[in-house]
C-alpha atoms as a PDB file:
ATOM      1  CA  UNK A   1     146.438  48.645   8.225  1.00  0.00           C
ATOM      2  CA  UNK A   2     148.374  51.424   6.640  1.00  0.00           C
ATOM      3  CA  UNK A   3     147.676  55.115   6.812  1.00  0.00           C
ATOM      4  CA  UNK A   4     148.037  57.271   3.745  1.00  0.00           C
ATOM      5  CA  UNK A   5     150.170  60.314   3.135  1.00  0.00           C
ATOM      6  CA  UNK A   6     148.170  63.524   2.925  1.00  0.00           C
ATOM      7  CA  UNK A   7     146.262  63.573  -0.354  1.00  0.00           C
ATOM      8  CA  UNK A   8     145.720  66.459  -2.705  1.00  0.00           C
ATOM      9  CA  UNK A   9     142.174  67.604  -3.377  1.00  0.00           C
ATOM     10  CA  UNK A  10     142.492  66.262  -6.946  1.00  0.00           C
ATOM     11  CA  UNK A  11     143.451  62.818  -5.672  1.00  0.00           C
ATOM     12  CA  UNK A  12     140.556  62.864  -3.218  1.00  0.00           C
ATOM     13  CA  UNK A  13     138.145  63.734  -6.045  1.00  0.00           C
ATOM     14  CA  UNK A  14     139.519  60.834  -8.106  1.00  0.00           C
ATOM     15  CA  UNK A  15     139.046  58.489  -5.152  1.00  0.00           C
ATOM     16  CA  UNK A  16     135.471  59.674  -4.558  1.00  0.00           C
ATOM     17  CA  UNK A  17     134.577  59.274  -8.231  1.00  0.00           C
ATOM     18  CA  UNK A  18     136.230  55.865  -8.449  1.00  0.00           C
ATOM     19  CA  UNK A  19     134.368  54.605  -5.366  1.00  0.00           C
ATOM     20  CA  UNK A  20     131.032  55.578  -6.903  1.00  0.00           C
ATOM     21  CA  UNK A  21     131.808  54.268 -10.387  1.00  0.00           C
ATOM     22  CA  UNK A  22     133.350  50.981  -9.260  1.00  0.00           C
ATOM     23  CA  UNK A  23     130.375  50.378  -6.988  1.00  0.00           C
ATOM     24  CA  UNK A  24     127.779  51.220  -9.640  1.00  0.00           C
ATOM     25  CA  UNK A  25     129.417  49.576 -12.656  1.00  0.00           C
ATOM     26  CA  UNK A  26     131.947  47.173 -11.202  1.00  0.00           C
ATOM     27  CA  UNK A  27     135.656  47.290 -11.896  1.00  0.00           C
ATOM     28  CA  UNK A  28     135.301  46.242 -15.522  1.00  0.00           C
ATOM     29  CA  UNK A  29     132.430  48.638 -16.221  1.00  0.00           C
ATOM     30  CA  UNK A  30     134.188  51.760 -14.926  1.00  0.00           C
ATOM     31  CA  UNK A  31     136.966  53.109 -17.117  1.00  0.00           C
ATOM     32  CA  UNK A  32     139.670  55.627 -16.336  1.00  0.00           C
ATOM     33  CA  UNK A  33     137.942  57.877 -18.877  1.00  0.00           C
ATOM     34  CA  UNK A  34     134.711  57.636 -16.855  1.00  0.00           C
ATOM     35  CA  UNK A  35     136.574  58.519 -13.679  1.00  0.00           C
ATOM     36  CA  UNK A  36     138.326  61.458 -15.340  1.00  0.00           C
ATOM     37  CA  UNK A  37     135.028  62.730 -16.743  1.00  0.00           C
ATOM     38  CA  UNK A  38     133.350  62.499 -13.317  1.00  0.00           C
ATOM     39  CA  UNK A  39     136.204  64.489 -11.769  1.00  0.00           C
ATOM     40  CA  UNK A  40     136.377  67.003 -14.634  1.00  0.00           C
ATOM     41  CA  UNK A  41     139.965  66.276 -15.638  1.00  0.00           C
ATOM     42  CA  UNK A  42     141.724  64.661 -18.572  1.00  0.00           C
ATOM     43  CA  UNK A  43     142.364  60.919 -18.359  1.00  0.00           C
ATOM     44  CA  UNK A  44     146.116  61.545 -18.550  1.00  0.00           C
ATOM     45  CA  UNK A  45     145.901  63.630 -15.364  1.00  0.00           C
ATOM     46  CA  UNK A  46     144.912  60.542 -13.381  1.00  0.00           C
ATOM     47  CA  UNK A  47     148.410  59.150 -13.941  1.00  0.00           C
ATOM     48  CA  UNK A  48     149.803  62.022 -11.882  1.00  0.00           C
ATOM     49  CA  UNK A  49     148.174  60.374  -8.865  1.00  0.00           C
ATOM     50  CA  UNK A  50     147.848  56.677  -9.742  1.00  0.00           C
ATOM     51  CA  UNK A  51     149.938  54.332 -11.875  1.00  0.00           C
ATOM     52  CA  UNK A  52     146.905  52.401 -13.141  1.00  0.00           C
ATOM     53  CA  UNK A  53     143.254  51.578 -12.691  1.00  0.00           C
ATOM     54  CA  UNK A  54     144.345  48.619 -10.578  1.00  0.00           C
ATOM     55  CA  UNK A  55     146.315  50.960  -8.299  1.00  0.00           C
ATOM     56  CA  UNK A  56     143.179  53.039  -7.765  1.00  0.00           C
ATOM     57  CA  UNK A  57     141.187  49.915  -6.967  1.00  0.00           C
ATOM     58  CA  UNK A  58     143.741  48.657  -4.448  1.00  0.00           C
ATOM     59  CA  UNK A  59     143.863  52.021  -2.698  1.00  0.00           C
ATOM     60  CA  UNK A  60     140.070  52.052  -2.508  1.00  0.00           C
ATOM     61  CA  UNK A  61     140.117  48.594  -0.948  1.00  0.00           C
ATOM     62  CA  UNK A  62     142.526  49.815   1.718  1.00  0.00           C
ATOM     63  CA  UNK A  63     140.470  52.952   2.367  1.00  0.00           C
ATOM     64  CA  UNK A  64     137.274  50.918   2.657  1.00  0.00           C
ATOM     65  CA  UNK A  65     138.921  48.451   5.013  1.00  0.00           C
ATOM     66  CA  UNK A  66     140.282  51.152   7.326  1.00  0.00           C
ATOM     67  CA  UNK A  67     137.009  53.036   7.380  1.00  0.00           C
ATOM     68  CA  UNK A  68     134.830  50.018   8.046  1.00  0.00           C
ATOM     69  CA  UNK A  69     137.088  48.476  10.692  1.00  0.00           C
ATOM     70  CA  UNK A  70     137.031  51.805  12.536  1.00  0.00           C
ATOM     71  CA  UNK A  71     133.233  51.886  12.260  1.00  0.00           C
ATOM     72  CA  UNK A  72     132.947  48.327  13.599  1.00  0.00           C
ATOM     73  CA  UNK A  73     135.059  49.262  16.629  1.00  0.00           C
ATOM     74  CA  UNK A  74     133.014  52.385  17.298  1.00  0.00           C
ATOM     75  CA  UNK A  75     129.755  50.418  17.203  1.00  0.00           C
ATOM     76  CA  UNK A  76     131.001  47.727  19.544  1.00  0.00           C
ATOM     77  CA  UNK A  77     132.295  50.395  21.913  1.00  0.00           C
ATOM     78  CA  UNK A  78     128.777  51.875  21.874  1.00  0.00           C
ATOM     79  CA  UNK A  79     127.126  48.588  22.891  1.00  0.00           C
ATOM     80  CA  UNK A  80     125.565  49.204  26.285  1.00  0.00           C
ATOM     81  CA  UNK A  81     123.360  47.123  28.530  1.00  0.00           C
ATOM     82  CA  UNK A  82     120.799  45.727  28.067  1.00  0.00           C
ATOM     83  CA  UNK A  83     121.662  45.257  24.393  1.00  0.00           C
ATOM     84  CA  UNK A  84     122.987  41.969  23.087  1.00  0.00           C
ATOM     85  CA  UNK A  85     126.668  41.683  22.100  1.00  0.00           C
ATOM     86  CA  UNK A  86     127.167  43.339  18.727  1.00  0.00           C
ATOM     87  CA  UNK A  87     123.621  44.636  18.523  1.00  0.00           C
ATOM     88  CA  UNK A  88     124.653  48.260  17.981  1.00  0.00           C
ATOM     89  CA  UNK A  89     126.488  47.257  14.797  1.00  0.00           C
ATOM     90  CA  UNK A  90     123.473  45.289  13.563  1.00  0.00           C
ATOM     91  CA  UNK A  91     121.216  48.284  14.123  1.00  0.00           C
ATOM     92  CA  UNK A  92     123.662  50.669  12.436  1.00  0.00           C
ATOM     93  CA  UNK A  93     124.376  48.396   9.475  1.00  0.00           C
ATOM     94  CA  UNK A  94     121.649  49.501   7.049  1.00  0.00           C
ATOM     95  CA  UNK A  95     122.161  53.222   7.684  1.00  0.00           C
ATOM     96  CA  UNK A  96     125.914  52.753   7.325  1.00  0.00           C
ATOM     97  CA  UNK A  97     125.412  50.956   4.009  1.00  0.00           C
ATOM     98  CA  UNK A  98     123.194  53.782   2.756  1.00  0.00           C
ATOM     99  CA  UNK A  99     125.564  56.553   3.848  1.00  0.00           C
ATOM    100  CA  UNK A 100     129.057  55.096   3.387  1.00  0.00           C
ATOM    101  CA  UNK A 101     130.342  54.242  -0.067  1.00  0.00           C
ATOM    102  CA  UNK A 102     133.190  52.437   1.667  1.00  0.00           C
ATOM    103  CA  UNK A 103     130.882  49.733   3.048  1.00  0.00           C
ATOM    104  CA  UNK A 104     128.948  49.436  -0.217  1.00  0.00           C
ATOM    105  CA  UNK A 105     132.230  49.075  -2.118  1.00  0.00           C
ATOM    106  CA  UNK A 106     133.720  46.576   0.342  1.00  0.00           C
ATOM    107  CA  UNK A 107     130.658  44.333   0.245  1.00  0.00           C
ATOM    108  CA  UNK A 108     130.257  44.495  -3.531  1.00  0.00           C
ATOM    109  CA  UNK A 109     133.903  43.644  -4.085  1.00  0.00           C
ATOM    110  CA  UNK A 110     133.653  40.745  -1.622  1.00  0.00           C
ATOM    111  CA  UNK A 111     130.903  39.206  -3.770  1.00  0.00           C
ATOM    112  CA  UNK A 112     131.795  40.485  -7.232  1.00  0.00           C
ATOM    113  CA  UNK A 113     135.502  41.234  -7.358  1.00  0.00           C
ATOM    114  CA  UNK A 114     137.312  41.668 -10.660  1.00  0.00           C
ATOM    115  CA  UNK A 115     138.674  38.260 -11.637  1.00  0.00           C
ATOM    116  CA  UNK A 116     142.322  39.279 -11.617  1.00  0.00           C
ATOM    117  CA  UNK A 117     141.921  41.012  -8.237  1.00  0.00           C
ATOM    118  CA  UNK A 118     139.879  38.334  -6.477  1.00  0.00           C
ATOM    119  CA  UNK A 119     142.724  37.423  -4.121  1.00  0.00           C
ATOM    120  CA  UNK A 120     143.289  41.051  -3.072  1.00  0.00           C
ATOM    121  CA  UNK A 121     139.567  41.621  -2.589  1.00  0.00           C
ATOM    122  CA  UNK A 122     139.132  38.411  -0.592  1.00  0.00           C
ATOM    123  CA  UNK A 123     142.178  39.140   1.577  1.00  0.00           C
ATOM    124  CA  UNK A 124     140.868  42.630   2.342  1.00  0.00           C
ATOM    125  CA  UNK A 125     137.373  41.373   3.147  1.00  0.00           C
ATOM    126  CA  UNK A 126     138.882  38.693   5.385  1.00  0.00           C
ATOM    127  CA  UNK A 127     140.657  41.390   7.422  1.00  0.00           C
ATOM    128  CA  UNK A 128     137.266  43.103   7.890  1.00  0.00           C
ATOM    129  CA  UNK A 129     135.733  39.770   8.976  1.00  0.00           C
ATOM    130  CA  UNK A 130     138.660  39.207  11.347  1.00  0.00           C
ATOM    131  CA  UNK A 131     138.047  42.643  12.914  1.00  0.00           C
ATOM    132  CA  UNK A 132     134.355  41.823  13.299  1.00  0.00           C
ATOM    133  CA  UNK A 133     135.243  38.409  14.754  1.00  0.00           C
ATOM    134  CA  UNK A 134     137.599  39.966  17.288  1.00  0.00           C
ATOM    135  CA  UNK A 135     134.977  42.474  18.390  1.00  0.00           C
ATOM    136  CA  UNK A 136     132.137  39.958  18.772  1.00  0.00           C
ATOM    137  CA  UNK A 137     134.372  37.552  20.662  1.00  0.00           C
ATOM    138  CA  UNK A 138     135.381  40.305  23.076  1.00  0.00           C
ATOM    139  CA  UNK A 139     131.713  41.222  23.490  1.00  0.00           C
ATOM    140  CA  UNK A 140     130.882  37.584  24.291  1.00  0.00           C
ATOM    141  CA  UNK A 141     133.564  37.337  27.016  1.00  0.00           C
ATOM    142  CA  UNK A 142     131.132  37.924  29.920  1.00  0.00           C
ATOM    143  CA  UNK A 143     129.241  34.732  28.967  1.00  0.00           C
ATOM    144  CA  UNK A 144     132.314  32.573  29.710  1.00  0.00           C
ATOM    145  CA  UNK A 145     131.827  30.324  26.693  1.00  0.00           C
ATOM    146  CA  UNK A 146     134.087  27.401  25.964  1.00  0.00           C
ATOM    147  CA  UNK A 147     135.968  27.516  22.669  1.00  0.00           C
ATOM    148  CA  UNK A 148     133.356  25.485  20.765  1.00  0.00           C
ATOM    149  CA  UNK A 149     130.500  27.688  22.000  1.00  0.00           C
ATOM    150  CA  UNK A 150     132.470  30.842  21.250  1.00  0.00           C
ATOM    151  CA  UNK A 151     133.096  29.655  17.695  1.00  0.00           C
ATOM    152  CA  UNK A 152     129.404  28.750  17.290  1.00  0.00           C
ATOM    153  CA  UNK A 153     128.093  32.120  18.537  1.00  0.00           C
ATOM    154  CA  UNK A 154     130.705  33.996  16.527  1.00  0.00           C
ATOM    155  CA  UNK A 155     129.699  32.161  13.360  1.00  0.00           C
ATOM    156  CA  UNK A 156     126.029  32.822  14.099  1.00  0.00           C
ATOM    157  CA  UNK A 157     126.724  36.537  14.474  1.00  0.00           C
ATOM    158  CA  UNK A 158     128.780  36.642  11.276  1.00  0.00           C
ATOM    159  CA  UNK A 159     125.910  34.815   9.576  1.00  0.00           C
ATOM    160  CA  UNK A 160     123.548  37.603  10.605  1.00  0.00           C
ATOM    161  CA  UNK A 161     125.875  40.230   9.107  1.00  0.00           C
ATOM    162  CA  UNK A 162     126.400  38.150   5.963  1.00  0.00           C
ATOM    163  CA  UNK A 163     122.667  37.728   5.459  1.00  0.00           C
ATOM    164  CA  UNK A 164     122.068  41.453   5.897  1.00  0.00           C
ATOM    165  CA  UNK A 165     124.914  42.232   3.476  1.00  0.00           C
ATOM    166  CA  UNK A 166     123.352  40.088   0.770  1.00  0.00           C
ATOM    167  CA  UNK A 167     119.952  41.714   1.261  1.00  0.00           C
ATOM    168  CA  UNK A 168     121.441  45.194   0.938  1.00  0.00           C
ATOM    169  CA  UNK A 169     123.661  44.355  -2.019  1.00  0.00           C
ATOM    170  CA  UNK A 170     120.986  42.699  -4.085  1.00  0.00           C
ATOM    171  CA  UNK A 171     118.152  45.022  -2.932  1.00  0.00           C
ATOM    172  CA  UNK A 172     115.580  42.280  -2.634  1.00  0.00           C
ATOM    173  CA  UNK A 173     113.351  44.519  -0.523  1.00  0.00           C
ATOM    174  CA  UNK A 174     113.257  42.055   2.342  1.00  0.00           C
ATOM    175  CA  UNK A 175     115.847  43.749   4.529  1.00  0.00           C
ATOM    176  CA  UNK A 176     113.545  44.747   7.404  1.00  0.00           C
ATOM    177  CA  UNK A 177     111.905  41.336   7.522  1.00  0.00           C
ATOM    178  CA  UNK A 178     115.254  39.531   7.369  1.00  0.00           C
ATOM    179  CA  UNK A 179     116.747  41.898   9.969  1.00  0.00           C
ATOM    180  CA  UNK A 180     113.916  41.295  12.447  1.00  0.00           C
ATOM    181  CA  UNK A 181     114.025  37.529  11.963  1.00  0.00           C
ATOM    182  CA  UNK A 182     117.798  37.276  12.300  1.00  0.00           C
ATOM    183  CA  UNK A 183     117.859  39.563  15.348  1.00  0.00           C
ATOM    184  CA  UNK A 184     115.049  37.574  16.999  1.00  0.00           C
ATOM    185  CA  UNK A 185     117.010  34.339  16.549  1.00  0.00           C
ATOM    186  CA  UNK A 186     120.186  35.981  17.818  1.00  0.00           C
ATOM    187  CA  UNK A 187     118.362  37.362  20.895  1.00  0.00           C
ATOM    188  CA  UNK A 188     116.890  33.919  21.606  1.00  0.00           C
ATOM    189  CA  UNK A 189     120.314  32.287  21.406  1.00  0.00           C
ATOM    190  CA  UNK A 190     121.969  34.869  23.659  1.00  0.00           C
ATOM    191  CA  UNK A 191     119.133  34.671  26.204  1.00  0.00           C
ATOM    192  CA  UNK A 192     119.731  30.931  26.455  1.00  0.00           C
ATOM    193  CA  UNK A 193     123.253  31.712  27.667  1.00  0.00           C
ATOM    194  CA  UNK A 194     121.962  33.868  30.489  1.00  0.00           C
ATOM    195  CA  UNK A 195     119.736  31.014  31.782  1.00  0.00           C
ATOM    196  CA  UNK A 196     122.714  28.708  32.355  1.00  0.00           C
END
């Protein structure tokens, strides 16, 4: 992951506005004029900071990736006994989605990327999934799983996160119910490991 040069306050305002507009309206539904209006500048002024709308989008993807990978690591570092591996991230997921435009943007673009930027969006989301995979596999180390079991439990955990992502993105109103059910199944599976 790359780190950015220091950004001017104008560039930061453009980024903040673009995050909100791309999330709310999608890439196609948010124009440079909309972004400029939200920031309170002329559209031409955006070109001082970004070469194109696509350049803004790609920078937002990178920002979202860096922010969310850092958050994943912080949650896994916070996992303490007697919690299950990765449980702190599960519990923090909804609040993070509500408070961090970066997660909302990353998830929306994973499921509804602009057609011509699908590869970039998918590649970015896959780096996030790889970071999550690395963290859950480290958290599962004490259970001494063989490679097949490790893959199975990793996929189950990623399935929990994927299910919760869909519930939040599409606002079906079943998040709490889905969260409790998925966490119960995950707890049951992990407890089986401790009986061996």
